[in-house]
N, C-alpha and C. Protein backbone atom coordinates (compact mmCIF):
# COMPACT_ATOMS: atom_id res chain seq x y z
N MET A 1 151.91 197.60 -15.66
CA MET A 1 152.86 196.71 -14.99
C MET A 1 153.68 197.92 -14.20
N CYS A 2 154.08 198.19 -12.91
CA CYS A 2 154.83 199.28 -12.73
C CYS A 2 156.52 198.47 -12.66
N VAL A 3 157.63 199.37 -12.96
CA VAL A 3 158.55 198.87 -13.00
C VAL A 3 159.25 197.88 -11.61
N MET A 4 158.65 198.21 -10.70
CA MET A 4 159.07 197.73 -9.34
C MET A 4 158.38 196.07 -8.88
N ALA A 5 157.46 196.34 -9.63
CA ALA A 5 156.81 194.54 -9.73
C ALA A 5 157.76 193.89 -11.08
N THR A 6 158.10 194.48 -11.97
CA THR A 6 158.18 193.98 -13.15
C THR A 6 159.70 193.07 -12.66
N LYS A 7 161.01 193.87 -11.91
CA LYS A 7 162.05 193.25 -11.54
C LYS A 7 161.57 192.06 -10.79
N TRP A 8 160.37 192.59 -9.81
CA TRP A 8 160.52 191.07 -8.69
C TRP A 8 160.07 189.70 -9.65
N THR A 9 159.39 190.29 -10.57
CA THR A 9 158.90 189.56 -11.52
C THR A 9 159.63 188.72 -12.13
N ARG A 10 160.56 189.29 -12.55
CA ARG A 10 161.27 188.47 -13.67
C ARG A 10 163.28 187.82 -12.80
N LEU A 11 162.94 188.39 -11.41
CA LEU A 11 163.61 187.20 -10.02
C LEU A 11 162.75 185.83 -10.57
N GLY A 12 161.82 186.23 -9.66
CA GLY A 12 161.17 185.00 -9.96
C GLY A 12 161.36 184.35 -10.53
N GLU A 13 160.90 184.47 -11.62
CA GLU A 13 160.58 183.80 -13.00
C GLU A 13 161.92 183.18 -13.50
N LYS A 14 163.64 183.77 -13.15
CA LYS A 14 164.66 183.78 -13.38
C LYS A 14 165.16 182.01 -11.66
N LEU A 15 164.46 182.59 -11.10
CA LEU A 15 164.84 181.54 -9.60
C LEU A 15 163.44 180.33 -9.95
N ARG A 16 162.58 180.62 -10.73
CA ARG A 16 161.59 178.91 -11.05
C ARG A 16 162.52 178.39 -12.18
N ALA A 17 162.90 179.06 -13.24
CA ALA A 17 163.63 178.53 -14.29
C ALA A 17 164.75 177.69 -13.83
N ALA A 18 165.55 178.01 -13.09
CA ALA A 18 166.93 177.24 -12.52
C ALA A 18 166.33 176.34 -12.04
N ARG A 19 165.45 176.22 -11.24
CA ARG A 19 164.52 175.11 -10.29
C ARG A 19 164.44 174.36 -11.39
N THR A 20 163.39 174.42 -12.13
CA THR A 20 163.37 173.50 -13.17
C THR A 20 164.43 173.30 -14.19
N ASP A 21 165.00 173.58 -14.50
CA ASP A 21 166.22 173.58 -15.22
C ASP A 21 167.06 172.25 -14.52
N LEU A 22 166.99 172.42 -12.98
CA LEU A 22 168.00 171.25 -12.16
C LEU A 22 166.76 170.25 -11.87
N GLY A 23 165.51 170.22 -11.85
CA GLY A 23 164.61 169.29 -12.21
C GLY A 23 164.20 169.33 -10.47
N ILE A 24 164.26 170.23 -9.79
CA ILE A 24 164.03 170.64 -8.37
C ILE A 24 162.34 170.43 -8.27
N GLU A 25 161.53 170.15 -7.49
CA GLU A 25 160.26 170.90 -7.13
C GLU A 25 160.30 171.90 -6.21
N GLN A 26 159.35 173.08 -6.22
CA GLN A 26 159.21 173.40 -5.26
C GLN A 26 159.31 173.10 -3.61
N GLN A 27 158.69 172.00 -3.21
CA GLN A 27 158.51 171.83 -2.03
C GLN A 27 160.10 171.40 -1.71
N GLN A 28 160.90 170.75 -2.55
CA GLN A 28 162.20 170.72 -1.75
C GLN A 28 162.95 171.63 -1.97
N ILE A 29 162.91 172.87 -2.62
CA ILE A 29 163.17 174.00 -2.53
C ILE A 29 162.41 174.81 -0.98
N ALA A 30 161.33 174.35 -0.67
CA ALA A 30 160.75 174.94 0.78
C ALA A 30 161.52 174.61 1.85
N VAL A 31 161.72 173.46 1.72
CA VAL A 31 162.53 171.96 2.79
C VAL A 31 163.57 173.00 3.00
N ALA A 32 164.59 172.81 1.94
CA ALA A 32 165.48 173.51 1.99
C ALA A 32 166.23 174.98 2.22
N VAL A 33 165.34 175.95 1.98
CA VAL A 33 165.58 177.02 2.77
C VAL A 33 164.55 177.44 4.14
N GLY A 34 163.80 176.54 4.28
CA GLY A 34 163.06 176.52 5.94
C GLY A 34 161.72 177.41 5.63
N VAL A 35 160.90 177.08 4.36
CA VAL A 35 160.00 178.18 4.29
C VAL A 35 158.39 176.81 3.57
N THR A 36 157.02 177.82 3.86
CA THR A 36 156.20 176.74 3.47
C THR A 36 156.30 176.98 1.59
N ARG A 37 155.57 176.12 0.96
CA ARG A 37 155.55 175.99 -0.67
C ARG A 37 154.97 177.29 -0.96
N GLY A 38 154.04 177.90 -0.20
CA GLY A 38 153.66 178.96 -0.23
C GLY A 38 154.32 179.96 -0.98
N ALA A 39 155.45 180.16 0.09
CA ALA A 39 156.53 181.28 0.39
C ALA A 39 157.17 181.24 -0.83
N VAL A 40 157.57 180.13 -1.11
CA VAL A 40 158.15 179.73 -2.65
C VAL A 40 157.64 180.37 -4.03
N GLY A 41 156.78 179.53 -4.00
CA GLY A 41 155.72 180.19 -5.07
C GLY A 41 155.25 181.92 -4.95
N ASN A 42 155.00 182.58 -3.80
CA ASN A 42 155.10 184.01 -3.79
C ASN A 42 156.62 184.55 -4.46
N ILE A 43 157.86 183.70 -4.03
CA ILE A 43 158.49 184.35 -4.76
C ILE A 43 158.66 184.28 -5.97
N GLU A 44 158.27 183.20 -6.72
CA GLU A 44 158.53 182.87 -8.10
C GLU A 44 157.49 183.46 -8.89
N ARG A 45 156.50 183.89 -8.04
CA ARG A 45 155.31 184.69 -8.85
C ARG A 45 155.93 186.55 -9.37
N GLY A 46 156.98 186.53 -8.13
CA GLY A 46 157.35 188.25 -7.67
C GLY A 46 156.15 188.87 -6.84
N ASP A 47 155.87 187.94 -5.86
CA ASP A 47 154.84 188.72 -4.80
C ASP A 47 155.84 189.11 -3.47
N VAL A 48 157.25 189.60 -3.94
CA VAL A 48 157.40 190.05 -2.68
C VAL A 48 158.41 191.19 -3.35
N ALA A 49 158.67 192.45 -2.46
CA ALA A 49 159.03 193.92 -2.63
C ALA A 49 160.39 194.19 -1.83
N ARG A 50 161.26 193.18 -1.40
CA ARG A 50 162.20 193.31 -0.90
C ARG A 50 163.37 192.40 -1.07
N MET A 51 164.29 192.09 -0.84
CA MET A 51 165.15 191.02 -0.77
C MET A 51 165.16 190.60 1.03
N THR A 52 165.59 189.04 0.94
CA THR A 52 165.34 188.99 1.96
C THR A 52 166.16 187.35 1.94
N PRO A 53 166.37 186.83 3.33
CA PRO A 53 167.40 186.02 3.68
C PRO A 53 167.00 184.63 2.64
N THR A 54 165.47 184.53 2.43
CA THR A 54 164.63 183.46 1.70
C THR A 54 165.44 183.40 0.84
N ILE A 55 165.00 184.87 0.24
CA ILE A 55 165.37 184.60 -1.41
C ILE A 55 166.88 184.56 -1.59
N ARG A 56 167.32 184.94 -0.75
CA ARG A 56 169.22 184.76 -1.53
C ARG A 56 169.82 182.97 -1.41
N GLU A 57 168.89 182.42 -0.15
CA GLU A 57 168.88 180.85 0.26
C GLU A 57 168.84 180.36 -0.68
N TYR A 58 167.58 180.63 -1.59
CA TYR A 58 166.58 180.27 -2.26
C TYR A 58 167.68 180.44 -3.62
N ALA A 59 167.99 181.53 -3.96
CA ALA A 59 169.25 182.03 -4.78
C ALA A 59 170.45 180.80 -4.96
N ARG A 60 171.05 180.53 -3.65
CA ARG A 60 171.83 179.54 -3.22
C ARG A 60 171.97 178.09 -3.23
N VAL A 61 170.79 177.47 -3.34
CA VAL A 61 170.43 176.01 -3.46
C VAL A 61 170.42 176.02 -5.33
N VAL A 62 169.96 177.34 -5.80
CA VAL A 62 169.75 176.71 -7.29
C VAL A 62 170.99 176.89 -7.83
N GLY A 63 172.32 177.08 -7.22
CA GLY A 63 173.70 177.26 -7.70
C GLY A 63 174.01 178.76 -8.06
N TRP A 64 173.11 179.99 -7.95
CA TRP A 64 173.80 181.14 -8.02
C TRP A 64 174.70 181.88 -6.98
N THR A 65 175.64 182.63 -7.54
CA THR A 65 176.63 183.27 -6.43
C THR A 65 176.09 184.51 -5.83
N ASP A 66 176.35 184.91 -4.56
CA ASP A 66 175.82 186.07 -3.53
C ASP A 66 175.14 187.08 -4.27
N ASP A 67 175.73 187.25 -5.41
CA ASP A 67 175.20 188.77 -6.05
C ASP A 67 173.99 188.58 -6.88
N SER A 68 173.96 187.55 -7.66
CA SER A 68 173.29 186.92 -8.25
C SER A 68 171.73 187.42 -8.46
N PRO A 69 171.14 187.81 -7.22
CA PRO A 69 169.71 188.28 -7.23
C PRO A 69 169.51 189.60 -7.85
N GLU A 70 170.77 190.44 -6.97
CA GLU A 70 170.77 191.69 -7.30
C GLU A 70 171.01 192.10 -8.42
N ARG A 71 171.87 191.06 -9.33
CA ARG A 71 172.46 191.55 -10.49
C ARG A 71 170.75 191.28 -11.69
N VAL A 72 170.09 190.09 -11.28
CA VAL A 72 168.45 189.84 -11.57
C VAL A 72 167.72 191.07 -11.96
N LEU A 73 167.92 191.63 -10.60
CA LEU A 73 167.08 192.93 -10.11
C LEU A 73 167.49 194.49 -11.10
N ALA A 74 168.74 194.07 -11.30
CA ALA A 74 169.33 195.55 -12.21
C ALA A 74 169.22 194.81 -13.75
N GLY A 75 168.57 193.99 -14.17
CA GLY A 75 168.45 193.51 -15.65
C GLY A 75 169.21 193.23 -16.11
N ARG A 76 170.42 192.12 -15.23
CA ARG A 76 171.48 191.29 -15.91
C ARG A 76 171.05 189.95 -15.51
N GLU A 77 171.81 189.08 -15.98
CA GLU A 77 171.83 187.59 -15.65
C GLU A 77 172.06 187.09 -14.56
N PRO A 78 172.04 185.91 -13.79
CA PRO A 78 172.38 185.29 -12.87
C PRO A 78 173.90 184.78 -13.12
N VAL A 79 174.33 184.57 -12.12
CA VAL A 79 176.02 183.95 -12.62
C VAL A 79 175.91 182.62 -11.02
N LEU A 80 176.24 181.59 -11.84
CA LEU A 80 176.29 180.12 -11.42
C LEU A 80 177.50 180.19 -10.37
N ARG A 81 177.80 179.69 -9.39
CA ARG A 81 178.98 179.28 -8.57
C ARG A 81 179.80 178.66 -9.45
N ASP A 82 181.10 178.66 -9.36
CA ASP A 82 182.12 177.39 -9.99
C ASP A 82 181.84 175.81 -9.76
N ALA A 83 182.65 175.87 -8.54
CA ALA A 83 183.02 174.55 -8.41
C ALA A 83 181.83 173.80 -7.53
N GLU A 84 180.77 174.25 -6.78
CA GLU A 84 179.57 173.63 -6.45
C GLU A 84 178.34 174.30 -6.39
N ARG A 85 177.73 173.72 -8.04
CA ARG A 85 176.66 174.38 -8.38
C ARG A 85 175.52 174.74 -8.09
N GLN A 86 175.19 173.16 -6.40
CA GLN A 86 173.84 173.48 -5.90
C GLN A 86 174.04 172.09 -4.93
N ASP A 87 173.37 172.24 -3.93
CA ASP A 87 173.54 171.47 -2.92
C ASP A 87 172.54 170.18 -3.33
N VAL A 88 171.21 170.91 -3.96
CA VAL A 88 170.08 169.72 -4.68
C VAL A 88 170.97 168.84 -5.78
N GLY A 89 170.78 167.48 -5.90
CA GLY A 89 171.63 166.68 -6.95
C GLY A 89 170.70 166.79 -8.11
N SER A 90 171.31 166.72 -9.36
CA SER A 90 170.70 167.06 -10.29
C SER A 90 171.70 165.64 -11.68
N ALA A 91 170.77 165.46 -12.37
CA ALA A 91 171.31 164.19 -12.72
C ALA A 91 171.93 164.79 -14.16
N GLU A 92 171.03 165.73 -14.47
CA GLU A 92 171.27 166.34 -15.83
C GLU A 92 172.71 167.08 -15.65
N GLY A 93 172.52 167.78 -14.83
CA GLY A 93 173.74 168.56 -14.52
C GLY A 93 175.10 167.91 -14.05
N GLY A 94 175.19 166.77 -13.40
CA GLY A 94 175.70 166.31 -12.98
C GLY A 94 176.43 166.68 -11.48
N ALA A 95 175.83 167.57 -10.95
CA ALA A 95 176.28 167.92 -9.65
C ALA A 95 175.50 167.28 -8.65
N VAL A 96 176.10 167.16 -7.55
CA VAL A 96 175.47 166.64 -6.31
C VAL A 96 176.40 167.38 -4.93
N ALA A 97 175.81 167.03 -4.22
CA ALA A 97 176.16 167.68 -3.01
C ALA A 97 177.79 166.85 -2.79
N THR A 98 178.76 167.41 -2.25
CA THR A 98 180.01 167.17 -2.31
C THR A 98 180.34 166.23 -1.15
N ASP A 99 179.33 166.73 -0.15
CA ASP A 99 179.51 165.88 0.97
C ASP A 99 179.10 164.81 1.57
N LEU A 100 178.00 164.42 0.19
CA LEU A 100 178.08 162.73 0.16
C LEU A 100 179.22 161.80 -0.10
N ALA A 101 178.81 160.85 0.40
CA ALA A 101 179.58 159.98 0.06
C ALA A 101 179.80 159.12 -1.36
N VAL A 102 181.17 158.95 -1.65
CA VAL A 102 181.21 158.98 -3.53
C VAL A 102 179.90 157.90 -4.13
N ASP A 103 179.78 156.58 -3.06
CA ASP A 103 178.88 155.65 -3.97
C ASP A 103 177.67 156.30 -4.25
N VAL A 104 177.09 157.25 -3.17
CA VAL A 104 175.72 158.16 -2.97
C VAL A 104 175.79 159.06 -4.43
N GLN A 105 176.94 159.95 -4.43
CA GLN A 105 177.02 160.92 -5.24
C GLN A 105 176.80 159.82 -7.06
N GLU A 106 177.36 158.77 -6.91
CA GLU A 106 177.51 158.09 -8.12
C GLU A 106 175.97 157.64 -8.44
N SER A 107 175.62 157.26 -7.36
CA SER A 107 174.02 156.63 -7.85
C SER A 107 173.26 157.84 -7.80
N LEU A 108 173.09 158.98 -7.63
CA LEU A 108 172.50 160.47 -7.90
C LEU A 108 172.47 160.32 -9.34
N ARG A 109 173.48 159.95 -9.82
CA ARG A 109 173.83 160.58 -11.25
C ARG A 109 173.34 159.41 -12.35
N ARG A 110 173.29 158.00 -11.78
CA ARG A 110 172.98 156.74 -12.73
C ARG A 110 171.22 156.40 -12.79
N GLY A 111 170.93 156.16 -14.09
CA GLY A 111 169.92 156.18 -14.80
C GLY A 111 168.74 156.73 -14.42
N PRO A 112 167.56 156.56 -15.12
CA PRO A 112 166.44 157.01 -14.94
C PRO A 112 165.60 157.34 -13.77
N LEU A 113 165.09 158.58 -13.61
CA LEU A 113 164.77 159.11 -12.40
C LEU A 113 163.10 158.82 -12.20
N LEU A 114 162.88 157.78 -11.17
CA LEU A 114 161.36 157.39 -10.71
C LEU A 114 160.55 158.02 -10.21
N GLN A 115 161.29 158.37 -8.78
CA GLN A 115 160.44 159.19 -7.86
C GLN A 115 161.89 160.07 -7.00
N SER A 116 160.99 161.10 -6.52
CA SER A 116 162.07 161.76 -5.68
C SER A 116 160.97 162.06 -4.55
N GLN A 117 161.20 162.17 -3.31
CA GLN A 117 160.54 162.78 -2.32
C GLN A 117 161.45 163.61 -1.33
N VAL A 118 161.32 164.73 -0.76
CA VAL A 118 162.10 165.08 1.04
C VAL A 118 161.06 164.95 2.01
N VAL A 119 161.03 164.47 2.95
CA VAL A 119 160.38 164.31 3.94
C VAL A 119 161.25 164.54 5.29
N GLU A 120 160.48 165.75 6.02
CA GLU A 120 160.84 166.48 7.50
C GLU A 120 159.98 165.93 8.27
N VAL A 121 160.82 165.25 9.41
CA VAL A 121 160.26 164.81 10.61
C VAL A 121 160.69 165.73 11.71
N LYS A 122 159.79 166.36 12.51
CA LYS A 122 160.20 167.11 13.57
C LYS A 122 160.44 166.65 14.58
N THR A 123 161.21 167.17 15.44
CA THR A 123 162.18 166.30 16.75
C THR A 123 162.13 167.33 17.78
N PRO A 124 161.75 166.84 19.08
CA PRO A 124 162.02 167.73 20.20
C PRO A 124 163.24 168.76 19.76
N ALA A 125 164.19 168.00 19.34
CA ALA A 125 165.84 168.84 19.03
C ALA A 125 165.72 169.98 17.66
N GLY A 126 164.83 169.90 16.83
CA GLY A 126 164.71 170.35 15.56
C GLY A 126 164.11 169.78 14.62
N LYS A 127 164.55 169.33 13.65
CA LYS A 127 164.21 168.36 12.10
C LYS A 127 165.19 167.41 12.13
N VAL A 128 164.79 166.56 11.54
CA VAL A 128 165.47 165.39 10.35
C VAL A 128 164.95 165.99 9.07
N VAL A 129 165.93 165.53 7.99
CA VAL A 129 165.39 165.71 6.53
C VAL A 129 165.66 164.91 6.00
N ALA A 130 164.98 163.99 5.42
CA ALA A 130 165.62 162.56 4.91
C ALA A 130 165.14 163.02 3.06
N THR A 131 166.28 162.56 2.31
CA THR A 131 165.97 163.28 0.65
C THR A 131 165.98 161.46 -0.20
N ILE A 132 164.71 161.16 -0.59
CA ILE A 132 164.57 159.76 -1.08
C ILE A 132 164.66 159.91 -2.85
N VAL A 133 165.59 158.89 -3.27
CA VAL A 133 165.51 159.32 -4.73
C VAL A 133 165.90 157.92 -5.45
N LEU A 134 164.60 157.63 -6.32
CA LEU A 134 164.60 156.45 -6.89
C LEU A 134 165.12 156.32 -8.55
N ARG A 135 165.64 155.54 -8.68
CA ARG A 135 166.69 155.59 -9.83
C ARG A 135 166.38 154.23 -10.45
N GLY A 136 166.08 153.84 -11.85
CA GLY A 136 165.98 152.74 -12.69
C GLY A 136 167.14 152.47 -13.36
N GLU A 137 167.21 151.30 -13.82
CA GLU A 137 168.63 151.31 -14.77
C GLU A 137 168.20 151.65 -16.21
N GLU A 138 169.37 152.15 -16.92
CA GLU A 138 169.34 152.38 -18.39
C GLU A 138 168.45 151.02 -19.31
N GLY A 139 167.68 151.50 -19.82
CA GLY A 139 167.08 150.51 -21.19
C GLY A 139 165.91 149.77 -20.73
N GLN A 140 165.13 150.06 -19.33
CA GLN A 140 163.97 149.48 -18.86
C GLN A 140 162.96 149.96 -19.00
N SER A 141 161.95 149.62 -19.77
CA SER A 141 160.85 149.99 -20.61
C SER A 141 160.15 150.83 -19.21
N PRO A 142 159.25 152.00 -19.54
CA PRO A 142 158.57 152.67 -18.61
C PRO A 142 157.29 151.47 -18.09
N GLU A 143 157.05 150.40 -17.69
CA GLU A 143 156.56 149.28 -17.47
C GLU A 143 157.52 148.55 -16.51
N GLU A 144 158.48 148.36 -17.04
CA GLU A 144 159.29 147.38 -16.19
C GLU A 144 159.91 148.90 -15.04
N LEU A 145 159.93 150.20 -15.07
CA LEU A 145 160.37 150.82 -14.23
C LEU A 145 159.34 151.40 -13.22
N LEU A 146 157.91 151.45 -14.15
CA LEU A 146 156.78 151.45 -12.92
C LEU A 146 156.76 150.35 -12.25
N ALA A 147 156.73 149.31 -12.37
CA ALA A 147 156.44 147.72 -11.74
C ALA A 147 157.56 148.17 -10.71
N ALA A 148 159.04 148.44 -11.02
CA ALA A 148 160.14 148.22 -9.52
C ALA A 148 159.43 149.36 -8.50
N LEU A 149 158.84 150.32 -8.81
CA LEU A 149 158.70 151.81 -8.35
C LEU A 149 157.53 151.41 -7.45
N ARG A 150 156.61 150.09 -7.61
CA ARG A 150 155.56 150.01 -6.88
C ARG A 150 155.56 149.02 -5.65
N SER A 151 157.03 148.30 -6.39
CA SER A 151 157.62 147.68 -5.56
C SER A 151 158.49 147.60 -3.95
N VAL A 152 158.35 149.14 -4.21
CA VAL A 152 159.50 149.69 -3.65
C VAL A 152 159.06 150.19 -1.91
N THR A 153 159.45 149.37 -0.77
CA THR A 153 159.48 150.11 0.13
C THR A 153 160.70 150.65 0.84
N VAL A 154 160.51 151.96 1.67
CA VAL A 154 161.83 152.33 2.21
C VAL A 154 161.71 152.52 3.66
N GLN A 155 162.63 151.85 4.42
CA GLN A 155 162.80 152.25 5.75
C GLN A 155 163.93 152.73 6.42
N VAL A 156 163.57 153.49 7.29
CA VAL A 156 164.87 154.29 7.99
C VAL A 156 165.19 154.02 9.06
N SER A 157 166.20 153.80 9.57
CA SER A 157 166.08 153.77 11.05
C SER A 157 167.43 154.68 11.33
N ALA A 158 167.45 154.78 12.76
CA ALA A 158 168.91 155.12 13.53
C ALA A 158 168.91 155.10 14.41
N ASP A 159 170.41 155.37 15.29
CA ASP A 159 170.25 155.23 16.69
C ASP A 159 170.30 156.78 16.89
N GLU A 160 170.07 156.98 18.77
CA GLU A 160 169.94 158.08 18.84
C GLU A 160 171.45 159.22 18.58
N THR A 161 172.52 159.18 17.63
CA THR A 161 173.76 159.16 17.39
C THR A 161 173.21 159.62 15.70
N GLY A 162 172.28 158.88 15.17
CA GLY A 162 172.30 159.11 14.08
C GLY A 162 173.12 158.19 13.36
N ASN A 163 173.74 157.36 14.13
CA ASN A 163 174.30 156.09 13.02
C ASN A 163 173.46 155.09 12.58
N GLN A 164 173.36 154.37 11.69
CA GLN A 164 172.66 153.61 10.89
C GLN A 164 173.27 152.14 12.21
N PRO A 165 172.04 151.32 11.86
CA PRO A 165 172.10 150.07 12.69
C PRO A 165 172.96 149.34 12.06
N LYS A 166 174.07 148.61 12.85
CA LYS A 166 174.74 147.30 12.12
C LYS A 166 173.73 146.28 11.87
N GLU A 167 173.96 145.39 10.79
CA GLU A 167 173.38 144.41 10.50
C GLU A 167 174.04 142.97 10.60
């Protein structure tokens, strides 16, 4: 393998490791950076030959500083941003997006993860992205958690301004 391919492969491996350490799926990265899951896979395999805005955004989403991709390409380690590690929530790391309501931030940290999904809906004006995170209570058996997951139905609605309807 040539040196050029090796450094891009190393960058992809480091990004993949950062993503998996945070419990983020490839599809979540793809939605966050605005590309296909296949493009994320190409980056993670090192099937790239130049620095792109997509790679920079991927690095930002996993919490790296702006210069970290170049640091990795130069054989050094990435550096995490201090104040905000990433925009995608992580129960293990305790970091969540800071623009969320406090009760939402807290709920993203509590209990074992049952399921998470990112849903993207295209609209005439662009797109809307919904992030759905289902967590159980500590101490529940796997069977209880599975039963709870199977009983969940999520309905989302908003008026034309994006506000939730009052009940």
